[in-house]
């Protein structure tokens, strides 16, 4: 298969995927609700979704003014905040994902680290009896 044929096949698959995602709904309006601290997105399907701005990658700690300046991509599948240089993909939002896999994993890990339980406390006490957590060693 020639390079041009491969590129055309990749483009065709991407176009097919985009059409499939657009059927789930495209953004026709997006706004920041400062009272509720939520991003509200109206879809062409008649649905409305909203999420807390502080829960989405790139929007954490942003000012109300920056959050209010939302652009919708021409395809209707993306939201962009120019002042924050932040982007969210609508199909991922519809799946309940508010950031990249790496960002979500870090967020879950931080939440897990804050969990308090009897087993965790007992484990920490046992580690303390043996000198505590081992020191990190430099890797070459």
N, C-alpha and C. Protein backbone atom coordinates (compact mmCIF):
# COMPACT_ATOMS: atom_id res chain seq x y z
N UNK A 1 0.86 -1.18 0.00
CA UNK A 1 0.00 0.00 0.00
C UNK A 1 0.90 1.23 0.00
N UNK A 2 0.62 2.17 -0.84
CA UNK A 2 1.42 3.39 -0.96
C UNK A 2 1.14 4.32 0.22
N UNK A 3 2.09 5.20 0.50
CA UNK A 3 1.96 6.16 1.61
C UNK A 3 0.70 7.00 1.46
N UNK A 4 0.40 7.42 0.25
CA UNK A 4 -0.80 8.23 0.00
C UNK A 4 -2.06 7.44 0.34
N UNK A 5 -2.07 6.15 0.01
CA UNK A 5 -3.23 5.31 0.33
C UNK A 5 -3.41 5.18 1.84
N UNK A 6 -2.30 5.04 2.56
CA UNK A 6 -2.36 4.92 4.02
C UNK A 6 -2.90 6.22 4.62
N UNK A 7 -2.37 7.36 4.16
CA UNK A 7 -2.85 8.66 4.66
C UNK A 7 -4.34 8.83 4.38
N UNK A 8 -4.77 8.47 3.19
CA UNK A 8 -6.19 8.58 2.85
C UNK A 8 -7.04 7.67 3.72
N UNK A 9 -6.55 6.46 4.03
CA UNK A 9 -7.29 5.53 4.89
C UNK A 9 -7.40 6.08 6.30
N UNK A 10 -6.33 6.67 6.80
CA UNK A 10 -6.35 7.27 8.15
C UNK A 10 -7.33 8.42 8.19
N UNK A 11 -7.32 9.27 7.18
CA UNK A 11 -8.24 10.41 7.11
C UNK A 11 -9.68 9.92 7.06
N UNK A 12 -9.94 8.90 6.27
CA UNK A 12 -11.30 8.36 6.14
C UNK A 12 -11.80 7.81 7.48
N UNK A 13 -10.93 7.09 8.21
CA UNK A 13 -11.32 6.56 9.53
C UNK A 13 -11.61 7.70 10.50
N UNK A 14 -10.79 8.75 10.46
CA UNK A 14 -11.00 9.89 11.35
C UNK A 14 -12.32 10.59 11.03
N UNK A 15 -12.62 10.75 9.74
CA UNK A 15 -13.88 11.39 9.35
C UNK A 15 -15.08 10.55 9.80
N UNK A 16 -14.98 9.24 9.66
CA UNK A 16 -16.05 8.35 10.09
C UNK A 16 -16.26 8.45 11.60
N UNK A 17 -15.15 8.50 12.36
CA UNK A 17 -15.22 8.63 13.81
C UNK A 17 -15.87 9.97 14.20
N UNK A 18 -15.52 11.05 13.50
CA UNK A 18 -16.08 12.36 13.80
C UNK A 18 -17.60 12.37 13.58
N UNK A 19 -18.04 11.79 12.47
CA UNK A 19 -19.48 11.74 12.19
C UNK A 19 -20.20 10.95 13.29
N UNK A 20 -19.61 9.83 13.72
CA UNK A 20 -20.20 9.02 14.78
C UNK A 20 -20.30 9.83 16.08
N UNK A 21 -19.25 10.57 16.42
CA UNK A 21 -19.26 11.37 17.64
C UNK A 21 -20.26 12.52 17.53
N UNK A 22 -20.39 13.11 16.35
CA UNK A 22 -21.34 14.22 16.18
C UNK A 22 -22.77 13.76 16.37
N UNK A 23 -23.06 12.50 16.08
CA UNK A 23 -24.42 11.98 16.27
C UNK A 23 -24.81 11.96 17.74
N UNK A 24 -23.80 11.90 18.63
CA UNK A 24 -24.07 11.90 20.07
C UNK A 24 -24.48 13.29 20.54
N UNK A 25 -24.19 14.29 19.75
CA UNK A 25 -24.55 15.66 20.10
C UNK A 25 -23.37 16.59 19.92
N UNK A 26 -23.69 17.77 19.38
CA UNK A 26 -22.68 18.81 19.19
C UNK A 26 -23.04 19.99 20.08
N UNK A 27 -22.02 20.66 20.55
CA UNK A 27 -22.25 21.85 21.37
C UNK A 27 -22.77 22.97 20.48
N UNK A 28 -23.84 23.61 20.92
CA UNK A 28 -24.36 24.77 20.20
C UNK A 28 -24.27 26.02 21.06
N UNK A 29 -24.07 25.83 22.36
CA UNK A 29 -23.90 26.95 23.27
C UNK A 29 -23.13 26.45 24.49
N UNK A 30 -22.26 27.29 25.01
CA UNK A 30 -21.51 26.96 26.23
C UNK A 30 -21.35 28.24 27.03
N UNK A 31 -21.54 28.13 28.33
CA UNK A 31 -21.46 29.30 29.21
C UNK A 31 -20.95 28.88 30.58
N UNK A 32 -20.45 29.85 31.30
CA UNK A 32 -20.04 29.63 32.69
C UNK A 32 -21.11 30.21 33.61
N UNK A 33 -21.63 29.40 34.53
CA UNK A 33 -22.61 29.83 35.52
C UNK A 33 -21.82 30.16 36.79
N UNK A 34 -21.57 31.45 37.02
CA UNK A 34 -20.73 31.85 38.15
C UNK A 34 -21.37 31.56 39.50
N UNK A 35 -22.69 31.57 39.57
CA UNK A 35 -23.37 31.26 40.83
C UNK A 35 -23.14 29.80 41.22
N UNK A 36 -23.27 28.91 40.26
CA UNK A 36 -23.11 27.48 40.53
C UNK A 36 -21.67 27.00 40.32
N UNK A 37 -20.82 27.86 39.73
CA UNK A 37 -19.43 27.53 39.41
C UNK A 37 -19.35 26.32 38.47
N UNK A 38 -20.26 26.33 37.48
CA UNK A 38 -20.36 25.21 36.55
C UNK A 38 -20.26 25.69 35.11
N UNK A 39 -19.70 24.84 34.27
CA UNK A 39 -19.73 25.04 32.83
C UNK A 39 -21.00 24.35 32.35
N UNK A 40 -21.80 25.05 31.57
CA UNK A 40 -23.06 24.52 31.07
C UNK A 40 -22.98 24.48 29.55
N UNK A 41 -23.26 23.30 28.98
CA UNK A 41 -23.15 23.11 27.53
C UNK A 41 -24.48 22.61 27.00
N UNK A 42 -25.04 23.34 26.04
CA UNK A 42 -26.27 22.92 25.35
C UNK A 42 -25.88 22.17 24.08
N UNK A 43 -26.52 21.03 23.85
CA UNK A 43 -26.25 20.21 22.68
C UNK A 43 -27.36 20.34 21.65
N UNK A 44 -27.02 20.08 20.41
CA UNK A 44 -28.03 20.16 19.34
C UNK A 44 -29.08 19.08 19.47
N UNK A 45 -28.83 18.09 20.32
CA UNK A 45 -29.79 17.01 20.55
C UNK A 45 -30.88 17.40 21.55
N UNK A 46 -30.74 18.61 22.13
CA UNK A 46 -31.71 19.04 23.13
C UNK A 46 -31.23 18.79 24.55
N UNK A 47 -30.15 18.05 24.71
CA UNK A 47 -29.61 17.78 26.03
C UNK A 47 -28.77 18.95 26.50
N UNK A 48 -28.64 19.05 27.80
CA UNK A 48 -27.77 20.05 28.43
C UNK A 48 -26.92 19.29 29.45
N UNK A 49 -25.62 19.52 29.39
CA UNK A 49 -24.73 18.93 30.38
C UNK A 49 -24.04 20.05 31.14
N UNK A 50 -23.66 19.76 32.36
CA UNK A 50 -22.90 20.75 33.14
C UNK A 50 -21.94 20.01 34.05
N UNK A 51 -20.87 20.70 34.42
CA UNK A 51 -19.88 20.13 35.32
C UNK A 51 -19.21 21.25 36.08
N UNK A 52 -18.70 20.93 37.25
CA UNK A 52 -17.99 21.92 38.05
C UNK A 52 -16.70 22.29 37.34
N UNK A 53 -16.48 23.59 37.16
CA UNK A 53 -15.29 24.05 36.46
C UNK A 53 -14.02 23.57 37.14
N UNK A 54 -14.01 23.54 38.45
CA UNK A 54 -12.82 23.13 39.20
C UNK A 54 -12.49 21.66 39.10
N UNK A 55 -13.34 20.89 38.45
CA UNK A 55 -13.11 19.45 38.30
C UNK A 55 -12.51 19.10 36.95
N UNK A 56 -12.33 20.07 36.07
CA UNK A 56 -11.86 19.79 34.71
C UNK A 56 -10.40 20.23 34.53
N UNK A 57 -9.67 19.41 33.82
CA UNK A 57 -8.26 19.70 33.54
C UNK A 57 -8.14 21.04 32.82
N UNK A 58 -7.25 21.88 33.31
CA UNK A 58 -7.00 23.17 32.69
C UNK A 58 -7.88 24.29 33.20
N UNK A 59 -8.94 23.95 33.93
CA UNK A 59 -9.86 24.97 34.43
C UNK A 59 -9.73 25.19 35.93
N UNK A 60 -9.00 24.33 36.59
CA UNK A 60 -8.83 24.41 38.05
C UNK A 60 -8.20 25.75 38.42
N UNK A 61 -8.83 26.47 39.34
CA UNK A 61 -8.29 27.72 39.83
C UNK A 61 -8.44 28.92 38.90
N UNK A 62 -9.15 28.76 37.80
CA UNK A 62 -9.31 29.86 36.84
C UNK A 62 -10.31 30.89 37.36
N UNK A 63 -10.14 32.11 36.91
CA UNK A 63 -11.06 33.18 37.30
C UNK A 63 -12.39 33.03 36.56
N UNK A 64 -13.43 33.62 37.12
CA UNK A 64 -14.75 33.59 36.48
C UNK A 64 -14.68 34.23 35.10
N UNK A 65 -13.92 35.29 34.98
CA UNK A 65 -13.79 35.98 33.69
C UNK A 65 -13.19 35.06 32.63
N UNK A 66 -12.11 34.34 32.99
CA UNK A 66 -11.49 33.43 32.04
C UNK A 66 -12.40 32.25 31.71
N UNK A 67 -13.14 31.77 32.70
CA UNK A 67 -14.04 30.64 32.47
C UNK A 67 -15.21 31.02 31.57
N UNK A 68 -15.61 32.27 31.62
CA UNK A 68 -16.77 32.72 30.83
C UNK A 68 -16.45 32.85 29.35
N UNK A 69 -15.18 32.96 29.00
CA UNK A 69 -14.79 33.12 27.59
C UNK A 69 -14.57 31.75 26.97
N UNK A 70 -15.65 31.12 26.52
CA UNK A 70 -15.60 29.77 25.96
C UNK A 70 -15.85 29.84 24.46
N UNK A 71 -15.02 29.15 23.69
CA UNK A 71 -15.23 29.03 22.25
C UNK A 71 -15.61 27.59 21.93
N UNK A 72 -16.52 27.42 21.00
CA UNK A 72 -16.92 26.09 20.54
C UNK A 72 -16.23 25.85 19.20
N UNK A 73 -15.63 24.67 19.04
CA UNK A 73 -14.94 24.36 17.79
C UNK A 73 -15.94 24.28 16.64
N UNK A 74 -15.49 24.48 15.39
CA UNK A 74 -16.39 24.41 14.24
C UNK A 74 -17.16 23.08 14.15
N UNK A 75 -16.54 21.99 14.58
CA UNK A 75 -17.22 20.68 14.54
C UNK A 75 -18.27 20.55 15.62
N UNK A 76 -18.19 21.42 16.65
CA UNK A 76 -19.11 21.32 17.78
C UNK A 76 -18.69 20.28 18.79
N UNK A 77 -17.50 19.70 18.60
CA UNK A 77 -17.03 18.63 19.48
C UNK A 77 -15.99 19.09 20.49
N UNK A 78 -15.58 20.34 20.41
CA UNK A 78 -14.56 20.83 21.32
C UNK A 78 -14.92 22.14 21.96
N UNK A 79 -14.45 22.34 23.19
CA UNK A 79 -14.60 23.59 23.90
C UNK A 79 -13.20 24.13 24.16
N UNK A 80 -13.03 25.44 24.00
CA UNK A 80 -11.71 26.05 24.16
C UNK A 80 -11.82 27.32 24.99
N UNK A 81 -10.89 27.49 25.93
CA UNK A 81 -10.77 28.68 26.75
C UNK A 81 -9.48 29.36 26.35
N UNK A 82 -9.54 30.41 25.51
CA UNK A 82 -8.34 31.06 25.00
C UNK A 82 -7.40 31.60 26.08
N UNK A 83 -7.94 32.24 27.09
CA UNK A 83 -7.10 32.83 28.13
C UNK A 83 -6.38 31.77 28.96
N UNK A 84 -6.93 30.57 28.99
CA UNK A 84 -6.34 29.49 29.77
C UNK A 84 -5.56 28.51 28.91
N UNK A 85 -5.68 28.65 27.59
CA UNK A 85 -5.12 27.69 26.64
C UNK A 85 -5.55 26.27 27.03
N UNK A 86 -6.83 26.13 27.34
CA UNK A 86 -7.39 24.85 27.77
C UNK A 86 -8.43 24.38 26.76
N UNK A 87 -8.47 23.08 26.56
CA UNK A 87 -9.42 22.47 25.63
C UNK A 87 -10.04 21.25 26.27
N UNK A 88 -11.32 21.04 26.01
CA UNK A 88 -12.01 19.82 26.42
C UNK A 88 -12.75 19.27 25.21
N UNK A 89 -12.77 17.95 25.12
CA UNK A 89 -13.38 17.24 24.00
C UNK A 89 -14.77 16.77 24.42
N UNK A 90 -15.79 17.23 23.73
CA UNK A 90 -17.17 16.95 24.12
C UNK A 90 -17.47 15.45 24.25
N UNK A 91 -17.08 14.57 23.32
CA UNK A 91 -17.36 13.15 23.53
C UNK A 91 -16.77 12.60 24.84
N UNK A 92 -15.61 13.10 25.23
CA UNK A 92 -15.03 12.67 26.51
C UNK A 92 -15.87 13.18 27.67
N UNK A 93 -16.38 14.41 27.56
CA UNK A 93 -17.26 14.95 28.61
C UNK A 93 -18.52 14.11 28.74
N UNK A 94 -19.06 13.70 27.60
CA UNK A 94 -20.27 12.87 27.62
C UNK A 94 -20.00 11.51 28.26
N UNK A 95 -18.75 11.07 28.20
CA UNK A 95 -18.36 9.82 28.86
C UNK A 95 -17.98 10.04 30.31
N UNK A 96 -18.07 11.30 30.77
CA UNK A 96 -17.76 11.60 32.16
C UNK A 96 -16.29 11.84 32.44
N UNK A 97 -15.48 12.05 31.41
CA UNK A 97 -14.06 12.28 31.59
C UNK A 97 -13.76 13.77 31.48
N UNK A 98 -13.15 14.30 32.52
CA UNK A 98 -12.89 15.74 32.56
C UNK A 98 -11.42 16.08 32.35
N UNK A 99 -10.67 15.15 31.78
CA UNK A 99 -9.26 15.40 31.52
C UNK A 99 -8.60 14.20 30.88
N UNK A 100 -7.30 14.31 30.64
CA UNK A 100 -6.55 13.21 30.03
C UNK A 100 -6.42 12.04 31.00
N UNK A 101 -6.08 10.87 30.50
CA UNK A 101 -5.92 9.70 31.35
C UNK A 101 -4.86 9.95 32.42
N UNK A 102 -3.75 10.58 32.03
CA UNK A 102 -2.66 10.88 32.97
C UNK A 102 -3.15 11.81 34.08
N UNK A 103 -3.89 12.85 33.71
CA UNK A 103 -4.39 13.81 34.68
C UNK A 103 -5.39 13.13 35.62
N UNK A 104 -6.29 12.31 35.07
CA UNK A 104 -7.27 11.62 35.90
C UNK A 104 -6.60 10.64 36.86
N UNK A 105 -5.57 9.93 36.39
CA UNK A 105 -4.85 8.98 37.24
C UNK A 105 -4.18 9.71 38.41
N UNK A 106 -3.57 10.86 38.12
CA UNK A 106 -2.93 11.64 39.19
C UNK A 106 -3.96 12.11 40.20
N UNK A 107 -5.11 12.53 39.70
CA UNK A 107 -6.18 13.01 40.59
C UNK A 107 -6.70 11.87 41.47
N UNK A 108 -6.90 10.69 40.88
CA UNK A 108 -7.35 9.54 41.65
C UNK A 108 -6.30 9.10 42.67
N UNK A 109 -5.04 9.13 42.26
CA UNK A 109 -3.95 8.76 43.17
C UNK A 109 -3.87 9.70 44.36
N UNK A 110 -4.04 10.99 44.11
CA UNK A 110 -4.02 11.96 45.21
C UNK A 110 -5.18 11.72 46.16
N UNK A 111 -6.34 11.41 45.60
CA UNK A 111 -7.51 11.14 46.45
C UNK A 111 -7.28 9.88 47.27
N UNK A 112 -6.71 8.87 46.66
CA UNK A 112 -6.42 7.63 47.38
C UNK A 112 -5.41 7.84 48.48
N UNK A 113 -4.44 8.72 48.25
CA UNK A 113 -3.43 9.01 49.26
C UNK A 113 -4.00 9.72 50.48
N UNK A 114 -5.10 10.42 50.31
CA UNK A 114 -5.73 11.14 51.42
C UNK A 114 -6.67 10.24 52.24
N UNK A 115 -6.95 9.05 51.75
CA UNK A 115 -7.88 8.17 52.43
C UNK A 115 -7.31 7.76 53.79
N UNK A 116 -8.13 7.80 54.80
CA UNK A 116 -7.73 7.37 56.14
C UNK A 116 -8.50 6.10 56.46
N UNK A 117 -7.76 5.10 56.89
CA UNK A 117 -8.41 3.86 57.30
C UNK A 117 -7.58 3.22 58.41
N UNK A 118 -8.19 2.33 59.16
CA UNK A 118 -7.48 1.63 60.22
C UNK A 118 -6.33 0.81 59.65
N UNK A 119 -6.56 0.17 58.50
CA UNK A 119 -5.50 -0.65 57.89
C UNK A 119 -4.32 0.22 57.47
N UNK A 120 -4.58 1.38 56.92
CA UNK A 120 -3.51 2.27 56.50
C UNK A 120 -2.73 2.79 57.72
N UNK A 121 -3.43 3.14 58.78
CA UNK A 121 -2.77 3.62 60.00
C UNK A 121 -1.91 2.52 60.61
N UNK A 122 -2.44 1.31 60.66
CA UNK A 122 -1.68 0.17 61.21
C UNK A 122 -0.43 -0.10 60.38
N UNK A 123 -0.57 -0.03 59.08
CA UNK A 123 0.58 -0.24 58.19
C UNK A 123 1.65 0.83 58.43
N UNK A 124 1.23 2.07 58.61
CA UNK A 124 2.18 3.15 58.88
C UNK A 124 2.89 2.93 60.21
N UNK A 125 2.15 2.47 61.22
CA UNK A 125 2.77 2.17 62.52
C UNK A 125 3.81 1.06 62.40
N UNK A 126 3.47 0.02 61.64
CA UNK A 126 4.41 -1.09 61.43
C UNK A 126 5.66 -0.62 60.70
N UNK A 127 5.48 0.19 59.67
CA UNK A 127 6.64 0.73 58.94
C UNK A 127 7.50 1.58 59.86
N UNK A 128 6.86 2.33 60.75
CA UNK A 128 7.60 3.17 61.69
C UNK A 128 8.47 2.35 62.63
N UNK A 129 7.99 1.19 63.03
CA UNK A 129 8.76 0.30 63.90
C UNK A 129 10.03 -0.18 63.21
N UNK A 130 10.02 -0.22 61.91
CA UNK A 130 11.17 -0.72 61.13
C UNK A 130 11.98 0.43 60.54
N UNK A 131 11.82 1.63 61.06
CA UNK A 131 12.61 2.75 60.56
C UNK A 131 11.88 3.63 59.56
N UNK A 132 10.62 3.37 59.33
CA UNK A 132 9.83 4.21 58.42
C UNK A 132 10.00 3.82 56.97
N UNK A 133 9.53 4.70 56.14
CA UNK A 133 9.58 4.48 54.69
C UNK A 133 11.03 4.46 54.23
N UNK A 134 11.39 3.51 53.38
CA UNK A 134 12.77 3.49 52.88
C UNK A 134 13.08 4.75 52.08
N UNK A 135 14.33 5.21 52.19
CA UNK A 135 14.75 6.38 51.44
C UNK A 135 14.79 6.06 49.95
N UNK A 136 14.49 7.06 49.16
CA UNK A 136 14.60 6.89 47.70
C UNK A 136 16.07 6.89 47.34
N UNK A 137 16.41 6.01 46.42
CA UNK A 137 17.79 5.97 45.94
C UNK A 137 17.86 6.58 44.57
N UNK A 138 18.98 7.25 44.31
CA UNK A 138 19.17 7.87 42.98
C UNK A 138 19.35 6.77 41.95
N UNK A 139 18.64 6.90 40.85
CA UNK A 139 18.79 5.92 39.77
C UNK A 139 19.64 6.54 38.68
N UNK A 140 20.52 5.73 38.15
CA UNK A 140 21.44 6.24 37.11
C UNK A 140 20.91 5.97 35.74
